[in-house]
Protein backbone atom coordinates (compact mmCIF):
# COMPACT_ATOMS: atom_id res chain seq x y z
CA MET A 1 0.00 0.00 0.00
CA SER A 2 1.49 3.34 -1.00
CA ALA A 3 -0.81 6.15 -0.02
CA SER A 4 1.57 8.42 1.87
CA SER A 5 0.73 12.09 1.52
CA PRO A 6 1.36 15.22 3.57
CA CYS A 7 -1.93 16.73 2.34
CA ILE A 8 -4.03 18.27 5.11
CA SER A 9 -6.80 19.50 2.78
CA ILE A 10 -5.79 23.15 2.90
CA CYS A 11 -5.12 23.27 -0.81
CA GLU A 12 -4.05 26.80 -1.63
CA VAL A 13 -0.86 27.75 -3.44
CA ASP A 14 1.12 30.87 -2.52
CA ASN A 15 4.46 31.61 -4.18
CA GLY A 16 4.57 28.16 -5.78
CA ARG A 17 4.01 26.16 -2.59
CA CYS A 18 0.90 24.79 -0.92
CA ILE A 19 0.21 26.65 2.33
CA GLY A 20 -1.25 23.47 3.81
CA CYS A 21 1.37 20.81 3.16
CA GLY A 22 4.33 22.78 1.81
CA ARG A 23 4.74 20.81 -1.41
CA THR A 24 5.65 22.61 -4.61
CA GLU A 25 3.10 22.80 -7.41
CA THR A 26 5.15 20.23 -9.37
CA GLU A 27 5.23 17.85 -6.40
CA ILE A 28 1.45 18.12 -6.03
CA VAL A 29 0.78 17.47 -9.72
CA GLU A 30 3.21 14.55 -9.97
CA TRP A 31 2.60 13.07 -6.48
CA ARG A 32 0.60 10.03 -7.63
CA ASP A 33 3.35 9.07 -10.08
CA TYR A 34 6.14 9.20 -7.49
CA PRO A 35 7.41 5.94 -5.99
CA GLU A 36 6.89 5.61 -2.24
CA ASP A 37 10.57 6.26 -1.43
CA LYS A 38 10.44 9.64 -3.22
CA ARG A 39 7.24 10.56 -1.37
CA VAL A 40 8.86 9.69 1.95
CA ALA A 41 11.96 11.75 1.06
CA ILE A 42 9.79 14.78 0.24
CA MET A 43 7.81 14.37 3.47
CA ASP A 44 11.09 14.15 5.40
CA ARG A 45 12.23 17.40 3.72
CA LEU A 46 8.95 19.09 4.61
CA GLU A 47 9.33 17.95 8.22
CA ARG A 48 12.90 19.35 8.37
CA GLU A 49 11.72 22.64 6.89
CA ALA A 50 8.94 22.88 9.47
CA ALA A 51 11.38 22.14 12.30
CA ASN A 52 13.58 24.99 11.03
CA GLY A 53 10.76 27.53 10.97
CA GLY A 54 9.04 26.42 7.79
CA TRP A 55 9.09 27.98 4.36
CA LEU A 56 6.21 30.43 4.80
CA ALA A 57 6.84 34.12 5.34
CA ASP A 58 6.19 35.42 8.85
CA ASP A 59 3.04 37.20 7.63
CA ALA A 60 1.75 34.29 5.53
CA PHE A 61 -1.50 34.05 7.47
CA SER A 62 -2.02 37.76 7.94
CA THR A 63 -5.61 38.88 7.44
CA ALA A 64 -4.44 41.87 5.43
CA THR A 65 -4.48 41.43 1.68
CA ARG A 66 -0.99 41.40 0.25
CA PRO A 67 -0.75 43.13 -3.13
CA GLY A 68 0.62 40.89 -5.84
CA ALA A 69 0.28 37.65 -3.86
CA ALA A 70 -0.66 34.97 -6.35
CA ARG A 71 -3.09 32.46 -4.90
CA SER A 72 -4.81 29.61 -6.67
CA SER A 73 -6.67 26.55 -5.56
CA THR A 74 -5.31 23.11 -6.32
CA PRO A 75 -6.99 19.72 -6.07
CA ASN A 76 -6.10 17.30 -3.28
CA ALA A 77 -3.36 14.94 -4.23
């Protein structure tokens, strides 16, 4: 069984990365085609990034609208 995924169903992309799971847009699109060992390696990287303060800007969840911030919805993967 290979169903590993960091998806937490907050599927919104900001600056090329999902604000929910941290994957890049490419990783999200290609996730189902990746072998399990590559998925685990990506999840390990995401965990390390989170432990080091994450990849999001300090104001990523600010309620103020940020001019020029590109946001788009992506399907769960």
